[in-house]
Every structure is written in C-alpha cells, then in structure tokens.
Protein backbone atom coordinates (compact mmCIF):
# COMPACT_ATOMS: atom_id res chain seq x y z
CA MET A 1 -16.08 -13.61 16.63
CA SER A 2 -16.59 -10.03 15.47
CA VAL A 3 -15.92 -9.18 11.84
CA GLN A 4 -13.13 -6.66 11.30
CA ARG A 5 -12.59 -5.11 7.88
CA TYR A 6 -10.03 -2.43 7.10
CA CYS A 7 -9.24 -0.42 4.01
CA LEU A 8 -5.81 1.19 4.22
CA LEU A 9 -5.34 4.37 2.19
CA GLY A 10 -1.86 5.49 1.23
CA LEU A 11 0.68 5.79 -1.55
CA PRO A 12 3.20 3.36 -3.08
CA ARG A 13 6.26 2.75 -0.88
CA CYS A 14 4.62 4.19 2.25
CA GLY A 15 5.35 1.01 4.22
CA SER A 16 2.00 -0.52 3.34
CA GLN A 17 3.21 -4.11 3.15
CA TYR A 18 4.42 -4.00 6.75
CA ILE A 19 1.44 -2.07 8.11
CA SER A 20 -1.15 -4.29 6.39
CA SER A 21 0.64 -7.45 7.54
CA VAL A 22 0.70 -6.30 11.17
CA ILE A 23 -3.01 -5.43 11.08
CA THR A 24 -3.94 -8.75 9.43
CA ARG A 25 -1.99 -10.67 12.07
CA ASN A 26 -3.96 -8.92 14.79
CA ILE A 27 -7.37 -9.82 13.35
CA VAL A 28 -8.77 -13.26 14.12
CA GLY A 29 -9.17 -15.12 10.83
CA GLY A 30 -8.14 -12.03 8.85
CA LYS A 31 -7.29 -12.25 5.14
CA ASN A 32 -4.97 -9.73 3.48
CA LEU A 33 -6.21 -8.98 -0.05
CA SER A 34 -3.19 -6.78 -0.81
CA GLU A 35 -4.11 -4.03 -3.32
CA PRO A 36 -6.84 -5.36 -5.63
CA PHE A 37 -7.73 -1.90 -6.99
CA THR A 38 -4.20 -1.18 -8.21
CA TYR A 39 -4.13 -1.15 -12.01
CA CYS A 40 -3.03 -4.57 -13.33
CA HIS A 41 -1.84 -5.67 -9.92
CA PRO A 42 -0.06 -9.04 -10.37
CA LYS A 43 -1.88 -10.83 -7.52
CA TYR A 44 -5.36 -12.22 -8.06
CA ASN A 45 -7.60 -13.12 -5.11
CA ILE A 46 -9.26 -16.52 -5.28
CA ILE A 47 -12.63 -17.25 -3.63
CA GLN A 48 -13.48 -20.74 -2.35
CA LYS A 49 -16.83 -21.51 -0.68
CA ASP A 50 -17.78 -17.82 -0.79
CA SER A 51 -14.67 -16.68 1.14
CA PHE A 52 -11.37 -15.21 -0.05
CA SER A 53 -8.90 -18.07 0.22
CA TYR A 54 -5.54 -17.33 -1.43
CA THR A 55 -3.85 -15.28 -4.14
CA SER A 56 -2.66 -16.43 -7.52
CA PRO A 57 -0.10 -14.88 -9.92
CA ILE A 58 -2.47 -15.71 -12.80
CA PHE A 59 -4.27 -12.40 -13.18
CA PRO A 60 -7.42 -12.04 -15.32
CA LYS A 61 -7.12 -9.92 -18.44
CA PHE A 62 -9.36 -6.86 -18.36
CA ASN A 63 -10.21 -4.65 -21.31
CA SER A 64 -10.07 -1.53 -19.16
CA TYR A 65 -9.27 -0.29 -15.68
CA LYS A 66 -13.00 0.24 -15.11
CA GLU A 67 -13.60 -3.42 -15.85
CA GLN A 68 -11.01 -4.40 -13.24
CA ILE A 69 -12.56 -2.11 -10.60
CA ASP A 70 -16.07 -3.39 -11.32
CA TYR A 71 -14.81 -6.97 -11.10
CA VAL A 72 -13.20 -6.42 -7.68
CA LEU A 73 -16.27 -4.62 -6.34
CA ASN A 74 -18.49 -7.51 -7.45
CA LEU A 75 -16.13 -10.02 -5.82
CA LEU A 76 -16.37 -8.14 -2.54
CA LYS A 77 -20.15 -7.77 -2.73
CA ASN A 78 -20.73 -11.46 -3.47
CA SER A 79 -18.22 -12.90 -0.99
CA ASN A 80 -18.77 -13.98 2.62
CA GLN A 81 -19.66 -10.79 4.50
CA GLN A 82 -18.62 -12.39 7.80
CA GLN A 83 -14.97 -12.70 6.69
CA SER A 84 -12.48 -10.26 8.23
CA LEU A 85 -10.46 -8.56 5.49
CA VAL A 86 -7.64 -6.07 4.99
CA LEU A 87 -6.97 -4.32 1.69
CA LYS A 88 -5.00 -1.32 0.45
CA ILE A 89 -5.83 1.48 -1.95
CA PHE A 90 -3.14 3.81 -3.26
CA LEU A 91 -4.55 7.29 -3.90
CA THR A 92 -2.50 7.95 -7.03
CA ASP A 93 -3.50 9.85 -10.13
CA ARG A 94 -4.40 6.54 -11.82
CA ILE A 95 -7.30 5.74 -9.49
CA LEU A 96 -8.35 9.39 -9.15
CA SER A 97 -8.65 9.72 -12.93
CA SER A 98 -10.78 6.57 -13.07
CA LEU A 99 -13.64 8.64 -11.59
CA GLN A 100 -14.66 5.59 -9.54
CA LEU A 101 -12.95 6.32 -6.23
CA GLN A 102 -16.14 7.61 -4.60
CA GLU A 103 -17.99 4.49 -5.73
CA ILE A 104 -15.23 2.31 -4.29
CA LEU A 105 -15.24 4.13 -0.94
CA ASP A 106 -19.04 4.07 -0.69
CA THR A 107 -19.18 0.35 -1.50
CA LEU A 108 -16.50 -0.49 1.07
CA LYS A 109 -18.39 1.47 3.73
CA GLN A 110 -21.55 -0.47 2.91
CA LEU A 111 -19.58 -3.72 3.24
CA GLY A 112 -18.41 -2.81 6.74
CA PHE A 113 -14.88 -1.58 6.04
CA LYS A 114 -13.24 0.96 8.33
CA PHE A 115 -10.63 3.29 6.89
CA LEU A 116 -7.09 3.92 8.09
CA ILE A 117 -4.56 6.27 6.51
CA MET A 118 -0.99 5.08 6.00
CA LYS A 119 1.80 7.66 5.94
CA ARG A 120 5.55 7.69 5.81
CA GLU A 121 6.80 10.69 7.76
CA ASN A 122 10.23 10.77 6.14
CA ILE A 123 9.44 11.97 2.60
CA GLU A 124 13.06 11.72 1.54
CA HIS A 125 13.20 8.02 2.42
CA HIS A 126 9.76 7.52 0.86
CA LEU A 127 11.00 8.82 -2.50
CA LEU A 128 14.27 6.91 -2.30
CA SER A 129 12.40 3.68 -1.56
CA TRP A 130 10.39 4.15 -4.76
CA ILE A 131 13.50 4.93 -6.83
CA VAL A 132 15.27 1.78 -5.63
CA ALA A 133 12.17 -0.39 -6.16
CA GLN A 134 11.64 0.82 -9.70
CA ALA A 135 15.32 0.64 -10.63
CA THR A 136 15.67 -2.94 -9.34
CA ASN A 137 12.08 -4.11 -9.95
CA LYS A 138 11.91 -5.34 -6.36
CA TRP A 139 8.64 -4.02 -4.92
CA SER A 140 8.22 -6.26 -1.89
CA THR A 141 10.14 -8.71 0.24
CA ASP A 142 8.66 -11.44 -1.99
CA ASP A 143 10.94 -10.08 -4.71
CA GLY A 144 13.99 -10.42 -2.49
CA ILE A 145 16.11 -8.36 -0.12
CA HIS A 146 18.76 -5.97 -1.45
CA LYS A 147 22.10 -7.53 -0.56
CA ASP A 148 24.48 -5.80 -2.99
CA LEU A 149 25.14 -2.11 -3.52
CA ILE A 150 22.77 -0.66 -6.09
CA ASP A 151 24.06 1.30 -9.07
CA LEU A 152 21.62 4.04 -10.11
CA SER A 153 23.99 5.77 -12.53
CA THR A 154 21.80 4.92 -15.56
CA TYR A 155 18.47 5.44 -13.82
CA ASN A 156 16.37 8.50 -14.71
CA LEU A 157 15.76 10.09 -11.30
CA THR A 158 13.04 12.37 -12.66
CA ASN A 159 10.76 9.29 -12.75
CA VAL A 160 10.07 9.85 -9.06
CA GLU A 161 8.60 13.33 -9.56
CA PHE A 162 5.08 11.96 -10.12
CA LEU A 163 5.16 10.26 -6.70
CA TYR A 164 6.22 13.49 -5.05
CA LYS A 165 3.23 15.23 -6.66
CA ASP A 166 0.98 12.49 -5.24
CA ILE A 167 2.52 13.02 -1.79
CA LEU A 168 1.86 16.76 -1.98
CA ASN A 169 -1.70 16.10 -3.17
CA PHE A 170 -2.50 13.35 -0.67
CA ASN A 171 -4.03 15.44 2.13
CA LYS A 172 -6.13 17.36 -0.39
CA VAL A 173 -7.58 14.08 -1.69
CA ILE A 174 -8.41 12.95 1.85
CA GLU A 175 -10.23 16.22 2.46
CA GLU A 176 -11.98 16.23 -0.92
CA TYR A 177 -13.45 12.77 -0.35
CA LYS A 178 -14.27 13.58 3.30
CA ILE A 179 -12.37 10.56 4.59
CA ASP A 180 -12.37 10.51 8.39
CA ALA A 181 -9.70 8.06 9.51
CA ASP A 182 -6.88 7.60 11.99
CA ILE A 183 -3.32 7.85 10.69
CA ILE A 184 -0.86 4.95 10.98
CA ARG A 185 2.72 6.12 10.48
CA TYR A 186 5.17 3.60 9.06
CA GLU A 187 7.93 4.75 11.38
CA ASN A 188 5.63 4.43 14.44
CA CYS A 189 3.41 1.61 13.21
CA ILE A 190 3.24 -0.46 16.40
CA GLU A 191 2.69 2.53 18.68
CA ASP A 192 -0.06 3.94 16.45
CA LEU A 193 -1.82 0.57 16.10
CA THR A 194 -1.61 -0.03 19.85
CA THR A 195 -3.35 3.29 20.39
CA TYR A 196 -5.94 2.57 17.71
CA PHE A 197 -6.85 -0.96 18.84
CA GLN A 198 -6.43 -0.14 22.54
CA ARG A 199 -4.59 -3.40 23.18
CA PRO A 200 -1.11 -4.89 22.74
CA ILE A 201 -0.15 -5.58 19.14
CA ILE A 202 1.32 -8.90 18.05
CA THR A 203 4.49 -8.14 16.11
CA GLY A 204 5.88 -11.62 15.38
CA ILE A 205 5.98 -11.07 11.63
CA ARG A 206 8.89 -12.46 9.67
CA LEU A 207 9.18 -9.47 7.42
CA LYS A 208 12.54 -7.99 6.60
CA LYS A 209 12.96 -4.46 5.40
CA GLN A 210 14.24 -4.27 1.85
CA LEU A 211 16.29 -1.21 2.78
CA PRO A 212 18.37 -0.48 5.90
CA ASN A 213 17.45 2.28 8.35
CA ASN A 214 19.62 4.61 6.29
CA PRO A 215 18.66 3.55 2.75
CA TYR A 216 21.49 5.55 1.20
CA ASP A 217 23.87 2.92 2.62
CA ILE A 218 22.80 0.51 -0.08
CA LEU A 219 23.69 2.80 -3.01
CA LYS A 220 27.01 2.86 -4.84
CA GLU A 221 27.02 6.64 -5.32
CA PRO A 222 24.47 8.01 -2.84
CA GLU A 223 25.44 11.71 -3.01
CA LYS A 224 24.00 12.25 -6.50
CA VAL A 225 20.67 10.72 -5.51
CA LYS A 226 20.58 12.54 -2.20
CA GLU A 227 21.24 15.88 -3.91
CA PHE A 228 18.46 15.28 -6.45
CA ILE A 229 15.87 14.40 -3.80
CA LYS A 230 16.89 17.34 -1.60
CA LYS A 231 16.39 19.75 -4.50
CA LEU A 232 13.05 18.16 -5.36
CA ILE A 233 11.55 18.52 -1.90
CA THR A 234 12.91 21.99 -1.03
C-alpha cells in the first residue's frame, strides 16, 4: 500500500471540510487531521502506537502560537511515516504573521506531503458562508445544519472584511512561497479530484451542506446582506 499524504491550502469557509473528507475517503487507510495549525483549533489529534488515531475536544494549553506550531510539527515528525494523512492549512494573516509558514511547508515536504490548493470560485457565497458561521457559531456540520431562518440584523457585517482581504491576498501568498500545486474548486470538487487522481472518485460521504445552493434563502432579510457584500467586492 503506497503512502499518500496531502496538505490542503485554502481559506476559512472555502469548502475545506467537504474537500478534505472526499480526499480522505479516497485514500486507503487515510486519516484526516483537520486543521492542526489553526490557532487554538478545538480538535486535538491523538497518537496511539505511533500513528494518529482519533481527535479529542480536550485541547492542550499552549503559551503561544509558536508553541502550538512546534508541537504539531514534532507530532508529525515523530509519528508513523507510513501513515496516509490529510490536513488543512488556512493561509490567513494569523499564520503568515507567525513567520513559521516556510518552516511548516518545508517540514511537510520532507515528510512526504503533496500540496493541493482549495478555492471557492463564488466569492460572494464564500463571504456569506463566513458571516453566517460567525453569527451562528456553527462552523461545520458537526455543529448542526441551519434549519431556521437566520436573523443577522444585529450582526456587524464589517467583520467579514478581513476574510475578503485574505481572499485578495491569497494568490500573492501562493506565489511568494513558490507553492506549485493543483487547484481543487469547491464547486467542482469531484471533477477536479477525478482529473487529479486519474480515477473515479468515491463520493459516498454523508455530509450535508450547512447552507442551501442559494445561501441567501436561509436569511430573514437577505437584501441588506447582499447589498453589503456586493459593495465590498466591487
């Protein structure tokens, strides 16, 4: 059995949960580590008999972000190198300002990881997905599906502006760090992965989208939000 290791590079709300789950399902014995380099990420990867086994909500307390990054890198270095793994890194200002991104990328390369870039083509829906997630504190399907109309009347829409800056800066970061990787688009995930792996992709994943195809349908007063996002991106 060949070892397959993938590091998926993207931004929050780019469809990473779905993309990473599809890839993991198509790797024999693959383990999805989620996003261990995200600052204070609530899931903690547990190692048993040298291999990553499961995740726990009990997250270690670190004195700094650097300490967390160093801890994760040491876990990866000292784990079973014959284990197929999938993990995500969000190229936000937080990890860029840590000044450790190059070290992380270099270490992952040495440990046999291949890089893939995750993108959401519809920027408007990308931003709206983040707004809804932050306003409701539902960041994944583990947190529940949105069943009722969401009232954003008291939510500060300007909170999404930092994500838009990250979206505009994303390609520049890829170029700056000389990352050569294929792009997997959320909206065309299966087609792109079929092309990349050169074989049929297993899609039997019981994942539901948190938002409908038209995410505005889940808002109580969508016009205000739609107008704000339109002004932001034009």
